[in-house]
Amino acid sequence: MVVTCVALNLAGIRVVGLTSVWLFFLLSLPFALIVLLSPVKTGAYADPHAVSTGASVGLLGAVLVAMWNYMGWDNRFDDCARSGTAAGKPIRER
């Protein structure tokens, strides 16, 4: 793969650009097919999934989880910066 990329770069900017366009369409094709063929899939809406009867955290739970995840990160990095090491352990003075 590296040899192919080197050969493309040596071939010039026009070849690189044309190859990029073709690869874009090639990689987008499966997604386009899914979008175009999904409405004609038979039985797609015949058996919908059952609604979960388990506990639901709702919007408040989601906000609390987001706050919990966010609040721990900024303090952790500030402590590391003050201690002078990446591990967050204080440097022993001799």
PDB file of N, CA and C in Angstrom:
ATOM      1  N   MET A   1       0.820  -1.187   0.000  1.00  0.00           N
ATOM      2  CA  MET A   1       0.000   0.000   0.000  1.00  0.00           C
ATOM      3  C   MET A   1       0.872   1.262   0.000  1.00  0.00           C
ATOM      4  N   VAL A   2       1.951   1.211   0.751  1.00  0.00           N
ATOM      5  CA  VAL A   2       2.856   2.365   0.782  1.00  0.00           C
ATOM      6  C   VAL A   2       3.477   2.577  -0.594  1.00  0.00           C
ATOM      7  N   VAL A   3       3.832   1.492  -1.251  1.00  0.00           N
ATOM      8  CA  VAL A   3       4.429   1.592  -2.582  1.00  0.00           C
ATOM      9  C   VAL A   3       3.425   2.201  -3.558  1.00  0.00           C
ATOM     10  N   THR A   4       2.163   1.814  -3.443  1.00  0.00           N
ATOM     11  CA  THR A   4       1.120   2.376  -4.305  1.00  0.00           C
ATOM     12  C   THR A   4       0.978   3.879  -4.081  1.00  0.00           C
ATOM     13  N   CYS A   5       0.979   4.299  -2.814  1.00  0.00           N
ATOM     14  CA  CYS A   5       0.862   5.731  -2.513  1.00  0.00           C
ATOM     15  C   CYS A   5       2.074   6.510  -3.012  1.00  0.00           C
ATOM     16  N   VAL A   6       3.244   5.925  -2.893  1.00  0.00           N
ATOM     17  CA  VAL A   6       4.443   6.583  -3.404  1.00  0.00           C
ATOM     18  C   VAL A   6       4.374   6.720  -4.922  1.00  0.00           C
ATOM     19  N   ALA A   7       3.915   5.653  -5.592  1.00  0.00           N
ATOM     20  CA  ALA A   7       3.787   5.704  -7.053  1.00  0.00           C
ATOM     21  C   ALA A   7       2.778   6.762  -7.475  1.00  0.00           C
ATOM     22  N   LEU A   8       1.670   6.862  -6.740  1.00  0.00           N
ATOM     23  CA  LEU A   8       0.672   7.897  -7.054  1.00  0.00           C
ATOM     24  C   LEU A   8       1.262   9.290  -6.883  1.00  0.00           C
ATOM     25  N   ASN A   9       1.992   9.498  -5.802  1.00  0.00           N
ATOM     26  CA  ASN A   9       2.597  10.813  -5.576  1.00  0.00           C
ATOM     27  C   ASN A   9       3.618  11.159  -6.638  1.00  0.00           C
ATOM     28  N   LEU A  10       4.373  10.179  -7.070  1.00  0.00           N
ATOM     29  CA  LEU A  10       5.365  10.433  -8.117  1.00  0.00           C
ATOM     30  C   LEU A  10       4.713  10.666  -9.471  1.00  0.00           C
ATOM     31  N   ALA A  11       3.505  10.137  -9.673  1.00  0.00           N
ATOM     32  CA  ALA A  11       2.811  10.311 -10.949  1.00  0.00           C
ATOM     33  C   ALA A  11       2.311  11.738 -11.137  1.00  0.00           C
ATOM     34  N   GLY A  12       2.113  12.458 -10.046  1.00  0.00           N
ATOM     35  CA  GLY A  12       1.712  13.857 -10.182  1.00  0.00           C
ATOM     36  C   GLY A  12       0.385  14.158  -9.514  1.00  0.00           C
ATOM     37  N   ILE A  13       0.111  15.434  -9.432  1.00  0.00           N
ATOM     38  CA  ILE A  13      -1.059  15.917  -8.703  1.00  0.00           C
ATOM     39  C   ILE A  13      -2.370  15.544  -9.390  1.00  0.00           C
ATOM     40  N   ARG A  14      -2.375  15.520 -10.715  1.00  0.00           N
ATOM     41  CA  ARG A  14      -3.607  15.173 -11.435  1.00  0.00           C
ATOM     42  C   ARG A  14      -4.006  13.729 -11.170  1.00  0.00           C
ATOM     43  N   VAL A  15      -3.044  12.836 -11.144  1.00  0.00           N
ATOM     44  CA  VAL A  15      -3.340  11.422 -10.879  1.00  0.00           C
ATOM     45  C   VAL A  15      -3.806  11.247  -9.440  1.00  0.00           C
ATOM     46  N   VAL A  16      -3.188  11.954  -8.514  1.00  0.00           N
ATOM     47  CA  VAL A  16      -3.594  11.871  -7.111  1.00  0.00           C
ATOM     48  C   VAL A  16      -5.019  12.392  -6.942  1.00  0.00           C
ATOM     49  N   GLY A  17      -5.324  13.507  -7.565  1.00  0.00           N
ATOM     50  CA  GLY A  17      -6.668  14.066  -7.471  1.00  0.00           C
ATOM     51  C   GLY A  17      -7.714  13.162  -8.087  1.00  0.00           C
ATOM     52  N   LEU A  18      -7.432  12.639  -9.269  1.00  0.00           N
ATOM     53  CA  LEU A  18      -8.375  11.740  -9.937  1.00  0.00           C
ATOM     54  C   LEU A  18      -8.588  10.460  -9.126  1.00  0.00           C
ATOM     55  N   THR A  19      -7.512   9.925  -8.567  1.00  0.00           N
ATOM     56  CA  THR A  19      -7.628   8.727  -7.733  1.00  0.00           C
ATOM     57  C   THR A  19      -8.436   9.020  -6.478  1.00  0.00           C
ATOM     58  N   SER A  20      -8.266  10.187  -5.890  1.00  0.00           N
ATOM     59  CA  SER A  20      -9.033  10.562  -4.704  1.00  0.00           C
ATOM     60  C   SER A  20     -10.524  10.638  -5.009  1.00  0.00           C
ATOM     61  N   VAL A  21     -10.866  11.203  -6.146  1.00  0.00           N
ATOM     62  CA  VAL A  21     -12.279  11.298  -6.527  1.00  0.00           C
ATOM     63  C   VAL A  21     -12.879   9.911  -6.725  1.00  0.00           C
ATOM     64  N   TRP A  22     -12.156   9.037  -7.427  1.00  0.00           N
ATOM     65  CA  TRP A  22     -12.663   7.680  -7.667  1.00  0.00           C
ATOM     66  C   TRP A  22     -12.777   6.893  -6.363  1.00  0.00           C
ATOM     67  N   LEU A  23     -11.813   7.040  -5.472  1.00  0.00           N
ATOM     68  CA  LEU A  23     -11.894   6.349  -4.184  1.00  0.00           C
ATOM     69  C   LEU A  23     -13.036   6.876  -3.329  1.00  0.00           C
ATOM     70  N   PHE A  24     -13.325   8.180  -3.428  1.00  0.00           N
ATOM     71  CA  PHE A  24     -14.465   8.738  -2.712  1.00  0.00           C
ATOM     72  C   PHE A  24     -15.759   8.070  -3.162  1.00  0.00           C
ATOM     73  N   PHE A  25     -15.950   7.970  -4.471  1.00  0.00           N
ATOM     74  CA  PHE A  25     -17.170   7.330  -4.975  1.00  0.00           C
ATOM     75  C   PHE A  25     -17.203   5.847  -4.646  1.00  0.00           C
ATOM     76  N   LEU A  26     -16.067   5.194  -4.709  1.00  0.00           N
ATOM     77  CA  LEU A  26     -16.012   3.767  -4.397  1.00  0.00           C
ATOM     78  C   LEU A  26     -16.354   3.503  -2.930  1.00  0.00           C
ATOM     79  N   LEU A  27     -15.839   4.332  -2.031  1.00  0.00           N
ATOM     80  CA  LEU A  27     -16.125   4.151  -0.616  1.00  0.00           C
ATOM     81  C   LEU A  27     -17.520   4.625  -0.229  1.00  0.00           C
ATOM     82  N   SER A  28     -18.095   5.548  -0.979  1.00  0.00           N
ATOM     83  CA  SER A  28     -19.450   6.035  -0.688  1.00  0.00           C
ATOM     84  C   SER A  28     -20.528   5.123  -1.252  1.00  0.00           C
ATOM     85  N   LEU A  29     -20.175   4.289  -2.202  1.00  0.00           N
ATOM     86  CA  LEU A  29     -21.158   3.437  -2.865  1.00  0.00           C
ATOM     87  C   LEU A  29     -21.936   2.522  -1.916  1.00  0.00           C
ATOM     88  N   PRO A  30     -21.312   1.811  -0.979  1.00  0.00           N
ATOM     89  CA  PRO A  30     -22.108   0.962  -0.079  1.00  0.00           C
ATOM     90  C   PRO A  30     -23.127   1.745   0.746  1.00  0.00           C
ATOM     91  N   PHE A  31     -22.758   2.927   1.213  1.00  0.00           N
ATOM     92  CA  PHE A  31     -23.685   3.735   1.993  1.00  0.00           C
ATOM     93  C   PHE A  31     -24.844   4.231   1.132  1.00  0.00           C
ATOM     94  N   ALA A  32     -24.543   4.619  -0.097  1.00  0.00           N
ATOM     95  CA  ALA A  32     -25.601   5.054  -1.011  1.00  0.00           C
ATOM     96  C   ALA A  32     -26.553   3.903  -1.315  1.00  0.00           C
ATOM     97  N   LEU A  33     -26.010   2.711  -1.493  1.00  0.00           N
ATOM     98  CA  LEU A  33     -26.877   1.551  -1.746  1.00  0.00           C
ATOM     99  C   LEU A  33     -27.782   1.257  -0.557  1.00  0.00           C
ATOM    100  N   ILE A  34     -27.256   1.367   0.635  1.00  0.00           N
ATOM    101  CA  ILE A  34     -28.086   1.141   1.825  1.00  0.00           C
ATOM    102  C   ILE A  34     -29.217   2.157   1.883  1.00  0.00           C
ATOM    103  N   VAL A  35     -28.912   3.408   1.625  1.00  0.00           N
ATOM    104  CA  VAL A  35     -29.938   4.455   1.668  1.00  0.00           C
ATOM    105  C   VAL A  35     -30.984   4.237   0.577  1.00  0.00           C
ATOM    106  N   LEU A  36     -30.548   3.873  -0.617  1.00  0.00           N
ATOM    107  CA  LEU A  36     -31.483   3.717  -1.727  1.00  0.00           C
ATOM    108  C   LEU A  36     -32.312   2.441  -1.629  1.00  0.00           C
ATOM    109  N   LEU A  37     -31.743   1.366  -1.104  1.00  0.00           N
ATOM    110  CA  LEU A  37     -32.453   0.093  -1.053  1.00  0.00           C
ATOM    111  C   LEU A  37     -33.249  -0.124   0.230  1.00  0.00           C
ATOM    112  N   SER A  38     -33.021   0.671   1.249  1.00  0.00           N
ATOM    113  CA  SER A  38     -33.725   0.454   2.513  1.00  0.00           C
ATOM    114  C   SER A  38     -35.241   0.641   2.427  1.00  0.00           C
ATOM    115  N   PRO A  39     -35.780   1.580   1.644  1.00  0.00           N
ATOM    116  CA  PRO A  39     -37.249   1.700   1.597  1.00  0.00           C
ATOM    117  C   PRO A  39     -37.940   0.500   0.960  1.00  0.00           C
ATOM    118  N   VAL A  40     -37.259  -0.225   0.095  1.00  0.00           N
ATOM    119  CA  VAL A  40     -37.914  -1.339  -0.590  1.00  0.00           C
ATOM    120  C   VAL A  40     -37.690  -2.672   0.105  1.00  0.00           C
ATOM    121  N   LYS A  41     -37.065  -2.648   1.288  1.00  0.00           N
ATOM    122  CA  LYS A  41     -36.842  -3.894   2.024  1.00  0.00           C
ATOM    123  C   LYS A  41     -38.184  -4.396   2.543  1.00  0.00           C
ATOM    124  N   THR A  42     -38.518  -5.636   2.208  1.00  0.00           N
ATOM    125  CA  THR A  42     -39.802  -6.182   2.639  1.00  0.00           C
ATOM    126  C   THR A  42     -39.733  -6.595   4.103  1.00  0.00           C
ATOM    127  N   GLY A  43     -40.769  -6.252   4.822  1.00  0.00           N
ATOM    128  CA  GLY A  43     -40.872  -6.633   6.219  1.00  0.00           C
ATOM    129  C   GLY A  43     -40.060  -5.775   7.164  1.00  0.00           C
ATOM    130  N   ALA A  44     -39.599  -4.630   6.716  1.00  0.00           N
ATOM    131  CA  ALA A  44     -38.772  -3.792   7.579  1.00  0.00           C
ATOM    132  C   ALA A  44     -39.575  -3.226   8.740  1.00  0.00           C
ATOM    133  N   TYR A  45     -40.846  -2.928   8.495  1.00  0.00           N
ATOM    134  CA  TYR A  45     -41.677  -2.338   9.543  1.00  0.00           C
ATOM    135  C   TYR A  45     -42.709  -3.323  10.076  1.00  0.00           C
ATOM    136  N   ALA A  46     -42.658  -4.568   9.646  1.00  0.00           N
ATOM    137  CA  ALA A  46     -43.668  -5.539  10.054  1.00  0.00           C
ATOM    138  C   ALA A  46     -43.492  -5.977  11.502  1.00  0.00           C
ATOM    139  N   ASP A  47     -42.261  -6.103  11.968  1.00  0.00           N
ATOM    140  CA  ASP A  47     -42.017  -6.593  13.317  1.00  0.00           C
ATOM    141  C   ASP A  47     -41.096  -5.620  14.045  1.00  0.00           C
ATOM    142  N   PRO A  48     -41.647  -4.516  14.562  1.00  0.00           N
ATOM    143  CA  PRO A  48     -40.796  -3.556  15.253  1.00  0.00           C
ATOM    144  C   PRO A  48     -40.298  -4.132  16.582  1.00  0.00           C
ATOM    145  N   HIS A  49     -39.213  -3.628  17.034  1.00  0.00           N
ATOM    146  CA  HIS A  49     -38.650  -4.087  18.298  1.00  0.00           C
ATOM    147  C   HIS A  49     -39.544  -3.653  19.452  1.00  0.00           C
ATOM    148  N   ALA A  50     -39.615  -4.484  20.462  1.00  0.00           N
ATOM    149  CA  ALA A  50     -40.426  -4.162  21.631  1.00  0.00           C
ATOM    150  C   ALA A  50     -39.761  -3.054  22.436  1.00  0.00           C
ATOM    151  N   VAL A  51     -40.578  -2.243  23.082  1.00  0.00           N
ATOM    152  CA  VAL A  51     -40.074  -1.181  23.927  1.00  0.00           C
ATOM    153  C   VAL A  51     -39.546  -1.792  25.214  1.00  0.00           C
ATOM    154  N   SER A  52     -38.403  -1.340  25.659  1.00  0.00           N
ATOM    155  CA  SER A  52     -37.805  -1.872  26.878  1.00  0.00           C
ATOM    156  C   SER A  52     -38.662  -1.524  28.079  1.00  0.00           C
ATOM    157  N   THR A  53     -38.873  -2.503  28.950  1.00  0.00           N
ATOM    158  CA  THR A  53     -39.649  -2.259  30.164  1.00  0.00           C
ATOM    159  C   THR A  53     -38.740  -2.019  31.353  1.00  0.00           C
ATOM    160  N   GLY A  54     -37.436  -1.972  31.111  1.00  0.00           N
ATOM    161  CA  GLY A  54     -36.471  -1.756  32.184  1.00  0.00           C
ATOM    162  C   GLY A  54     -36.487  -0.314  32.658  1.00  0.00           C
ATOM    163  N   ALA A  55     -35.628  -0.025  33.606  1.00  0.00           N
ATOM    164  CA  ALA A  55     -35.547   1.328  34.155  1.00  0.00           C
ATOM    165  C   ALA A  55     -34.997   2.282  33.100  1.00  0.00           C
ATOM    166  N   SER A  56     -35.551   3.460  33.074  1.00  0.00           N
ATOM    167  CA  SER A  56     -35.113   4.481  32.143  1.00  0.00           C
ATOM    168  C   SER A  56     -34.532   5.648  32.929  1.00  0.00           C
ATOM    169  N   VAL A  57     -33.370   6.110  32.516  1.00  0.00           N
ATOM    170  CA  VAL A  57     -32.755   7.214  33.236  1.00  0.00           C
ATOM    171  C   VAL A  57     -33.290   8.560  32.770  1.00  0.00           C
ATOM    172  N   GLY A  58     -33.775   8.644  31.565  1.00  0.00           N
ATOM    173  CA  GLY A  58     -34.357   9.872  31.062  1.00  0.00           C
ATOM    174  C   GLY A  58     -33.330  10.968  30.853  1.00  0.00           C
ATOM    175  N   LEU A  59     -33.829  12.154  30.608  1.00  0.00           N
ATOM    176  CA  LEU A  59     -32.972  13.293  30.309  1.00  0.00           C
ATOM    177  C   LEU A  59     -32.131  13.705  31.512  1.00  0.00           C
ATOM    178  N   LEU A  60     -32.726  13.697  32.696  1.00  0.00           N
ATOM    179  CA  LEU A  60     -31.984  14.086  33.898  1.00  0.00           C
ATOM    180  C   LEU A  60     -30.813  13.138  34.132  1.00  0.00           C
ATOM    181  N   GLY A  61     -31.048  11.848  33.959  1.00  0.00           N
ATOM    182  CA  GLY A  61     -29.965  10.882  34.124  1.00  0.00           C
ATOM    183  C   GLY A  61     -28.860  11.089  33.111  1.00  0.00           C
ATOM    184  N   ALA A  62     -29.226  11.389  31.874  1.00  0.00           N
ATOM    185  CA  ALA A  62     -28.225  11.635  30.843  1.00  0.00           C
ATOM    186  C   ALA A  62     -27.395  12.874  31.168  1.00  0.00           C
ATOM    187  N   VAL A  63     -28.035  13.923  31.646  1.00  0.00           N
ATOM    188  CA  VAL A  63     -27.312  15.142  32.011  1.00  0.00           C
ATOM    189  C   VAL A  63     -26.380  14.874  33.183  1.00  0.00           C
ATOM    190  N   LEU A  64     -26.848  14.104  34.172  1.00  0.00           N
ATOM    191  CA  LEU A  64     -25.998  13.792  35.322  1.00  0.00           C
ATOM    192  C   LEU A  64     -24.793  12.946  34.922  1.00  0.00           C
ATOM    193  N   VAL A  65     -24.990  11.990  34.033  1.00  0.00           N
ATOM    194  CA  VAL A  65     -23.869  11.174  33.553  1.00  0.00           C
ATOM    195  C   VAL A  65     -22.879  12.037  32.781  1.00  0.00           C
ATOM    196  N   ALA A  66     -23.375  12.943  31.943  1.00  0.00           N
ATOM    197  CA  ALA A  66     -22.490  13.828  31.184  1.00  0.00           C
ATOM    198  C   ALA A  66     -21.695  14.723  32.133  1.00  0.00           C
ATOM    199  N   MET A  67     -22.354  15.241  33.166  1.00  0.00           N
ATOM    200  CA  MET A  67     -21.646  16.083  34.134  1.00  0.00           C
ATOM    201  C   MET A  67     -20.602  15.269  34.897  1.00  0.00           C
ATOM    202  N   TRP A  68     -20.947  14.051  35.287  1.00  0.00           N
ATOM    203  CA  TRP A  68     -20.011  13.184  36.007  1.00  0.00           C
ATOM    204  C   TRP A  68     -18.773  12.910  35.156  1.00  0.00           C
ATOM    205  N   ASN A  69     -18.986  12.614  33.882  1.00  0.00           N
ATOM    206  CA  ASN A  69     -17.863  12.327  32.993  1.00  0.00           C
ATOM    207  C   ASN A  69     -16.998  13.555  32.751  1.00  0.00           C
ATOM    208  N   TYR A  70     -17.610  14.723  32.670  1.00  0.00           N
ATOM    209  CA  TYR A  70     -16.863  15.927  32.342  1.00  0.00           C
ATOM    210  C   TYR A  70     -16.090  16.465  33.539  1.00  0.00           C
ATOM    211  N   MET A  71     -16.663  16.395  34.730  1.00  0.00           N
ATOM    212  CA  MET A  71     -16.056  17.057  35.889  1.00  0.00           C
ATOM    213  C   MET A  71     -14.740  16.432  36.317  1.00  0.00           C
ATOM    214  N   GLY A  72     -14.504  15.182  36.039  1.00  0.00           N
ATOM    215  CA  GLY A  72     -13.274  14.560  36.484  1.00  0.00           C
ATOM    216  C   GLY A  72     -12.063  14.899  35.651  1.00  0.00           C
ATOM    217  N   TRP A  73     -12.242  15.328  34.411  1.00  0.00           N
ATOM    218  CA  TRP A  73     -11.103  15.481  33.508  1.00  0.00           C
ATOM    219  C   TRP A  73     -10.316  16.758  33.749  1.00  0.00           C
ATOM    220  N   ASP A  74     -10.975  17.868  33.950  1.00  0.00           N
ATOM    221  CA  ASP A  74     -10.223  19.117  34.054  1.00  0.00           C
ATOM    222  C   ASP A  74      -9.392  19.165  35.333  1.00  0.00           C
ATOM    223  N   ASN A  75      -9.887  18.605  36.428  1.00  0.00           N
ATOM    224  CA  ASN A  75      -9.110  18.625  37.666  1.00  0.00           C
ATOM    225  C   ASN A  75      -7.901  17.695  37.576  1.00  0.00           C
ATOM    226  N   ARG A  76      -8.045  16.576  36.917  1.00  0.00           N
ATOM    227  CA  ARG A  76      -6.963  15.604  36.817  1.00  0.00           C
ATOM    228  C   ARG A  76      -5.757  16.198  36.102  1.00  0.00           C
ATOM    229  N   PHE A  77      -5.997  16.887  35.014  1.00  0.00           N
ATOM    230  CA  PHE A  77      -4.890  17.443  34.253  1.00  0.00           C
ATOM    231  C   PHE A  77      -4.272  18.653  34.948  1.00  0.00           C
ATOM    232  N   ASP A  78      -5.055  19.397  35.694  1.00  0.00           N
ATOM    233  CA  ASP A  78      -4.485  20.511  36.446  1.00  0.00           C
ATOM    234  C   ASP A  78      -3.545  20.002  37.522  1.00  0.00           C
ATOM    235  N   ASP A  79      -3.904  18.900  38.199  1.00  0.00           N
ATOM    236  CA  ASP A  79      -3.038  18.331  39.227  1.00  0.00           C
ATOM    237  C   ASP A  79      -1.733  17.847  38.628  1.00  0.00           C
ATOM    238  N   CYS A  80      -1.802  17.218  37.439  1.00  0.00           N
ATOM    239  CA  CYS A  80      -0.593  16.731  36.783  1.00  0.00           C
ATOM    240  C   CYS A  80       0.319  17.890  36.401  1.00  0.00           C
ATOM    241  N   ALA A  81      -0.263  18.974  35.943  1.00  0.00           N
ATOM    242  CA  ALA A  81       0.548  20.118  35.533  1.00  0.00           C
ATOM    243  C   ALA A  81       1.242  20.742  36.741  1.00  0.00           C
ATOM    244  N   ARG A  82       0.566  20.762  37.900  1.00  0.00           N
ATOM    245  CA  ARG A  82       1.180  21.354  39.085  1.00  0.00           C
ATOM    246  C   ARG A  82       2.277  20.461  39.654  1.00  0.00           C
ATOM    247  N   SER A  83       2.107  19.137  39.521  1.00  0.00           N
ATOM    248  CA  SER A  83       3.075  18.245  40.144  1.00  0.00           C
ATOM    249  C   SER A  83       4.370  18.148  39.333  1.00  0.00           C
ATOM    250  N   GLY A  84       4.296  18.394  38.035  1.00  0.00           N
ATOM    251  CA  GLY A  84       5.499  18.377  37.218  1.00  0.00           C
ATOM    252  C   GLY A  84       5.787  17.048  36.561  1.00  0.00           C
ATOM    253  N   THR A  85       4.939  16.047  36.743  1.00  0.00           N
ATOM    254  CA  THR A  85       5.152  14.759  36.091  1.00  0.00           C
ATOM    255  C   THR A  85       3.876  14.337  35.389  1.00  0.00           C
ATOM    256  N   ALA A  86       4.032  13.466  34.407  1.00  0.00           N
ATOM    257  CA  ALA A  86       2.865  12.981  33.680  1.00  0.00           C
ATOM    258  C   ALA A  86       2.042  12.034  34.531  1.00  0.00           C
ATOM    259  N   ALA A  87       2.665  11.314  35.461  1.00  0.00           N
ATOM    260  CA  ALA A  87       1.948  10.372  36.298  1.00  0.00           C
ATOM    261  C   ALA A  87       1.211  11.069  37.428  1.00  0.00           C
ATOM    262  N   GLY A  88       1.484  12.318  37.676  1.00  0.00           N
ATOM    263  CA  GLY A  88       0.799  13.054  38.725  1.00  0.00           C
ATOM    264  C   GLY A  88       1.398  12.835  40.097  1.00  0.00           C
ATOM    265  N   LYS A  89       2.570  12.214  40.165  1.00  0.00           N
ATOM    266  CA  LYS A  89       3.227  11.968  41.448  1.00  0.00           C
ATOM    267  C   LYS A  89       4.169  13.142  41.740  1.00  0.00           C
ATOM    268  N   PRO A  90       4.184  13.595  42.957  1.00  0.00           N
ATOM    269  CA  PRO A  90       5.086  14.728  43.270  1.00  0.00           C
ATOM    270  C   PRO A  90       6.549  14.316  43.152  1.00  0.00           C
ATOM    271  N   ILE A  91       7.335  15.272  42.748  1.00  0.00           N
ATOM    272  CA  ILE A  91       8.769  15.027  42.603  1.00  0.00           C
ATOM    273  C   ILE A  91       9.411  15.159  43.988  1.00  0.00           C
ATOM    274  N   ARG A  92      10.206  14.134  44.370  1.00  0.00           N
ATOM    275  CA  ARG A  92      10.888  14.162  45.667  1.00  0.00           C
ATOM    276  C   ARG A  92      12.071  15.123  45.615  1.00  0.00           C
ATOM    277  N   GLU A  93      12.127  15.954  46.595  1.00  0.00           N
ATOM    278  CA  GLU A  93      13.283  16.865  46.668  1.00  0.00           C
ATOM    279  C   GLU A  93      14.396  16.183  47.436  1.00  0.00           C
ATOM    280  N   ARG A  94      15.635  16.373  47.025  1.00  0.00           N
ATOM    281  CA  ARG A  94      16.772  15.726  47.702  1.00  0.00           C
ATOM    282  C   ARG A  94      17.528  16.711  48.524  1.00  0.00           C
TER     283      ARG A  94
END
